[in-house]
Amino acid sequence: MNRKMTITLEAGTLAFARDFSRRTNQPVSKIIENYFQQLRGKISAPAEKPPVLSPATAELYGILGGVKVPDKKFLRREFHEKNLA
């Protein structure tokens, strides 16, 4: 059985909700309902255990921190330029 509910949103959020509703062709109430159904699934689902890491892996985990790792194509190019020169 459906029931009515009144919510209060900040003006910018409301404008976004209406625009999103138009773009996805679904009512705002359905978007909100789907969101709460997703939350219910996350809360009622059992928490997953974190994977068990070997001691060697655990020691290296996070060692790069925020360092940007170059992509594979860049590394290959550098390797070939260095070894073919």
N, C-alpha and C. Protein backbone atom coordinates (compact mmCIF):
# COMPACT_ATOMS: atom_id res chain seq x y z
N MET A 1 0.83 -1.17 0.00
CA MET A 1 0.00 0.00 0.00
C MET A 1 0.89 1.24 0.00
N ASN A 2 0.65 2.13 -0.90
CA ASN A 2 1.42 3.37 -0.97
C ASN A 2 0.87 4.40 0.01
N ARG A 3 1.77 5.16 0.59
CA ARG A 3 1.41 6.24 1.52
C ARG A 3 2.12 7.50 1.06
N LYS A 4 1.58 8.64 1.40
CA LYS A 4 2.19 9.92 1.04
C LYS A 4 3.15 10.38 2.13
N MET A 5 4.16 11.15 1.69
CA MET A 5 5.15 11.69 2.61
C MET A 5 5.59 13.04 2.07
N THR A 6 5.78 14.00 2.95
CA THR A 6 6.26 15.32 2.54
C THR A 6 7.71 15.45 2.98
N ILE A 7 8.57 15.89 2.06
CA ILE A 7 9.98 16.11 2.41
C ILE A 7 10.36 17.55 2.09
N THR A 8 11.37 18.02 2.77
CA THR A 8 11.88 19.37 2.53
C THR A 8 13.30 19.24 2.00
N LEU A 9 13.56 19.88 0.86
CA LEU A 9 14.88 19.83 0.24
C LEU A 9 15.39 21.24 0.00
N GLU A 10 16.70 21.40 -0.01
CA GLU A 10 17.33 22.66 -0.39
C GLU A 10 16.99 22.92 -1.85
N ALA A 11 16.85 24.16 -2.23
CA ALA A 11 16.38 24.54 -3.56
C ALA A 11 17.21 23.92 -4.68
N GLY A 12 18.53 23.93 -4.53
CA GLY A 12 19.39 23.35 -5.56
C GLY A 12 19.22 21.85 -5.69
N THR A 13 19.03 21.19 -4.56
CA THR A 13 18.81 19.75 -4.57
C THR A 13 17.47 19.42 -5.23
N LEU A 14 16.46 20.22 -4.93
CA LEU A 14 15.15 20.01 -5.54
C LEU A 14 15.21 20.21 -7.05
N ALA A 15 15.92 21.23 -7.49
CA ALA A 15 16.07 21.48 -8.94
C ALA A 15 16.77 20.30 -9.60
N PHE A 16 17.81 19.79 -8.95
CA PHE A 16 18.51 18.62 -9.49
C PHE A 16 17.58 17.42 -9.56
N ALA A 17 16.80 17.19 -8.49
CA ALA A 17 15.88 16.05 -8.45
C ALA A 17 14.88 16.12 -9.59
N ARG A 18 14.33 17.30 -9.83
CA ARG A 18 13.35 17.46 -10.90
C ARG A 18 13.99 17.24 -12.28
N ASP A 19 15.19 17.77 -12.47
CA ASP A 19 15.91 17.59 -13.73
C ASP A 19 16.24 16.12 -13.95
N PHE A 20 16.73 15.47 -12.91
CA PHE A 20 17.06 14.04 -13.00
C PHE A 20 15.81 13.23 -13.31
N SER A 21 14.70 13.61 -12.70
CA SER A 21 13.43 12.94 -12.92
C SER A 21 13.02 13.04 -14.39
N ARG A 22 13.16 14.23 -14.95
CA ARG A 22 12.82 14.43 -16.36
C ARG A 22 13.73 13.61 -17.27
N ARG A 23 15.04 13.66 -16.99
CA ARG A 23 16.01 12.95 -17.85
C ARG A 23 15.83 11.44 -17.79
N THR A 24 15.46 10.90 -16.64
CA THR A 24 15.32 9.45 -16.49
C THR A 24 13.88 8.98 -16.68
N ASN A 25 12.98 9.94 -16.90
CA ASN A 25 11.57 9.64 -17.15
C ASN A 25 10.96 8.79 -16.02
N GLN A 26 11.22 9.19 -14.78
CA GLN A 26 10.62 8.53 -13.64
C GLN A 26 10.30 9.57 -12.57
N PRO A 27 9.24 9.35 -11.81
CA PRO A 27 8.87 10.33 -10.79
C PRO A 27 9.91 10.43 -9.68
N VAL A 28 10.01 11.61 -9.09
CA VAL A 28 10.94 11.83 -7.98
C VAL A 28 10.65 10.84 -6.86
N SER A 29 9.37 10.58 -6.59
CA SER A 29 9.01 9.65 -5.52
C SER A 29 9.56 8.26 -5.78
N LYS A 30 9.59 7.83 -7.04
CA LYS A 30 10.13 6.50 -7.38
C LYS A 30 11.65 6.48 -7.19
N ILE A 31 12.31 7.57 -7.54
CA ILE A 31 13.77 7.67 -7.36
C ILE A 31 14.10 7.54 -5.87
N ILE A 32 13.35 8.25 -5.05
CA ILE A 32 13.58 8.21 -3.60
C ILE A 32 13.28 6.82 -3.06
N GLU A 33 12.18 6.21 -3.52
CA GLU A 33 11.84 4.86 -3.07
C GLU A 33 12.94 3.86 -3.43
N ASN A 34 13.46 3.94 -4.66
CA ASN A 34 14.55 3.04 -5.07
C ASN A 34 15.79 3.23 -4.21
N TYR A 35 16.08 4.48 -3.87
CA TYR A 35 17.24 4.78 -3.04
C TYR A 35 17.10 4.11 -1.67
N PHE A 36 15.93 4.25 -1.06
CA PHE A 36 15.72 3.64 0.25
C PHE A 36 15.73 2.11 0.17
N GLN A 37 15.26 1.55 -0.92
CA GLN A 37 15.33 0.10 -1.08
C GLN A 37 16.78 -0.37 -1.18
N GLN A 38 17.62 0.41 -1.86
CA GLN A 38 19.04 0.07 -1.94
C GLN A 38 19.67 0.14 -0.56
N LEU A 39 19.34 1.17 0.20
CA LEU A 39 19.88 1.29 1.56
C LEU A 39 19.46 0.11 2.42
N ARG A 40 18.20 -0.28 2.32
CA ARG A 40 17.72 -1.42 3.09
C ARG A 40 18.53 -2.67 2.76
N GLY A 41 18.83 -2.88 1.48
CA GLY A 41 19.61 -4.04 1.07
C GLY A 41 21.02 -4.01 1.64
N LYS A 42 21.62 -2.83 1.69
CA LYS A 42 22.98 -2.70 2.21
C LYS A 42 23.02 -2.93 3.71
N ILE A 43 22.00 -2.46 4.42
CA ILE A 43 21.98 -2.58 5.87
C ILE A 43 21.68 -4.01 6.29
N SER A 44 20.75 -4.67 5.58
CA SER A 44 20.36 -6.01 5.99
C SER A 44 21.34 -7.07 5.48
N ALA A 45 22.15 -6.74 4.49
CA ALA A 45 23.11 -7.71 3.97
C ALA A 45 24.25 -7.90 4.97
N PRO A 46 24.69 -9.14 5.15
CA PRO A 46 25.79 -9.35 6.09
C PRO A 46 27.07 -8.68 5.59
N ALA A 47 27.82 -8.15 6.51
CA ALA A 47 29.07 -7.47 6.15
C ALA A 47 30.08 -8.49 5.64
N GLU A 48 30.74 -8.13 4.57
CA GLU A 48 31.75 -9.02 4.00
C GLU A 48 33.03 -8.91 4.82
N LYS A 49 33.68 -10.05 5.00
CA LYS A 49 34.96 -10.04 5.71
C LYS A 49 36.03 -9.53 4.75
N PRO A 50 36.94 -8.71 5.25
CA PRO A 50 38.03 -8.26 4.37
C PRO A 50 38.91 -9.45 3.99
N PRO A 51 39.50 -9.44 2.81
CA PRO A 51 40.33 -10.56 2.41
C PRO A 51 41.56 -10.68 3.31
N VAL A 52 41.97 -11.91 3.54
CA VAL A 52 43.15 -12.15 4.35
C VAL A 52 44.37 -12.03 3.44
N LEU A 53 45.29 -11.16 3.80
CA LEU A 53 46.49 -10.93 2.99
C LEU A 53 47.67 -11.69 3.58
N SER A 54 48.53 -12.16 2.70
CA SER A 54 49.75 -12.80 3.19
C SER A 54 50.60 -11.72 3.86
N PRO A 55 51.50 -12.11 4.76
CA PRO A 55 52.34 -11.11 5.42
C PRO A 55 53.12 -10.23 4.44
N ALA A 56 53.63 -10.83 3.36
CA ALA A 56 54.39 -10.05 2.38
C ALA A 56 53.50 -9.02 1.69
N THR A 57 52.29 -9.42 1.34
CA THR A 57 51.35 -8.51 0.69
C THR A 57 50.91 -7.43 1.65
N ALA A 58 50.62 -7.80 2.88
CA ALA A 58 50.19 -6.84 3.88
C ALA A 58 51.25 -5.77 4.10
N GLU A 59 52.52 -6.16 4.04
CA GLU A 59 53.62 -5.21 4.23
C GLU A 59 53.67 -4.19 3.09
N LEU A 60 53.32 -4.62 1.87
CA LEU A 60 53.37 -3.74 0.71
C LEU A 60 52.08 -2.97 0.50
N TYR A 61 51.00 -3.41 1.12
CA TYR A 61 49.69 -2.80 0.92
C TYR A 61 49.72 -1.31 1.26
N GLY A 62 49.34 -0.46 0.28
CA GLY A 62 49.26 0.97 0.49
C GLY A 62 50.59 1.70 0.39
N ILE A 63 51.64 1.01 -0.01
CA ILE A 63 52.99 1.62 -0.02
C ILE A 63 53.07 2.78 -1.02
N LEU A 64 52.27 2.72 -2.10
CA LEU A 64 52.33 3.79 -3.09
C LEU A 64 51.50 5.00 -2.70
N GLY A 65 50.60 4.82 -1.76
CA GLY A 65 49.79 5.94 -1.28
C GLY A 65 49.13 6.67 -2.43
N GLY A 66 49.34 7.96 -2.54
CA GLY A 66 48.70 8.77 -3.58
C GLY A 66 49.56 8.94 -4.81
N VAL A 67 50.65 8.16 -4.95
CA VAL A 67 51.54 8.29 -6.10
C VAL A 67 50.82 7.79 -7.35
N LYS A 68 50.86 8.58 -8.42
CA LYS A 68 50.23 8.18 -9.67
C LYS A 68 51.14 7.19 -10.39
N VAL A 69 50.60 6.03 -10.71
CA VAL A 69 51.36 4.99 -11.40
C VAL A 69 51.15 5.17 -12.90
N PRO A 70 52.23 5.22 -13.70
CA PRO A 70 52.07 5.40 -15.14
C PRO A 70 51.34 4.22 -15.76
N ASP A 71 50.63 4.46 -16.87
CA ASP A 71 49.92 3.37 -17.51
C ASP A 71 50.87 2.47 -18.28
N LYS A 72 50.36 1.30 -18.66
CA LYS A 72 51.16 0.26 -19.28
C LYS A 72 51.78 0.71 -20.60
N LYS A 73 51.04 1.45 -21.41
CA LYS A 73 51.57 1.89 -22.71
C LYS A 73 52.78 2.80 -22.52
N PHE A 74 52.69 3.71 -21.56
CA PHE A 74 53.80 4.61 -21.28
C PHE A 74 55.03 3.82 -20.85
N LEU A 75 54.84 2.87 -19.94
CA LEU A 75 55.97 2.07 -19.46
C LEU A 75 56.60 1.25 -20.58
N ARG A 76 55.80 0.68 -21.46
CA ARG A 76 56.34 -0.09 -22.59
C ARG A 76 57.16 0.81 -23.51
N ARG A 77 56.61 2.00 -23.81
CA ARG A 77 57.32 2.92 -24.69
C ARG A 77 58.67 3.30 -24.08
N GLU A 78 58.68 3.64 -22.79
CA GLU A 78 59.92 4.00 -22.11
C GLU A 78 60.92 2.83 -22.14
N PHE A 79 60.42 1.62 -21.90
CA PHE A 79 61.29 0.44 -21.90
C PHE A 79 61.93 0.24 -23.27
N HIS A 80 61.11 0.31 -24.33
CA HIS A 80 61.64 0.08 -25.67
C HIS A 80 62.58 1.19 -26.11
N GLU A 81 62.27 2.43 -25.79
CA GLU A 81 63.16 3.53 -26.14
C GLU A 81 64.49 3.38 -25.44
N LYS A 82 64.47 2.96 -24.21
CA LYS A 82 65.69 2.81 -23.42
C LYS A 82 66.53 1.64 -23.93
N ASN A 83 65.89 0.53 -24.26
CA ASN A 83 66.61 -0.68 -24.65
C ASN A 83 66.95 -0.74 -26.13
N LEU A 84 66.31 0.04 -26.95
CA LEU A 84 66.62 0.04 -28.38
C LEU A 84 67.56 1.15 -28.77
N ALA A 85 67.80 2.07 -27.87
CA ALA A 85 68.66 3.20 -28.19
C ALA A 85 70.11 2.85 -28.07
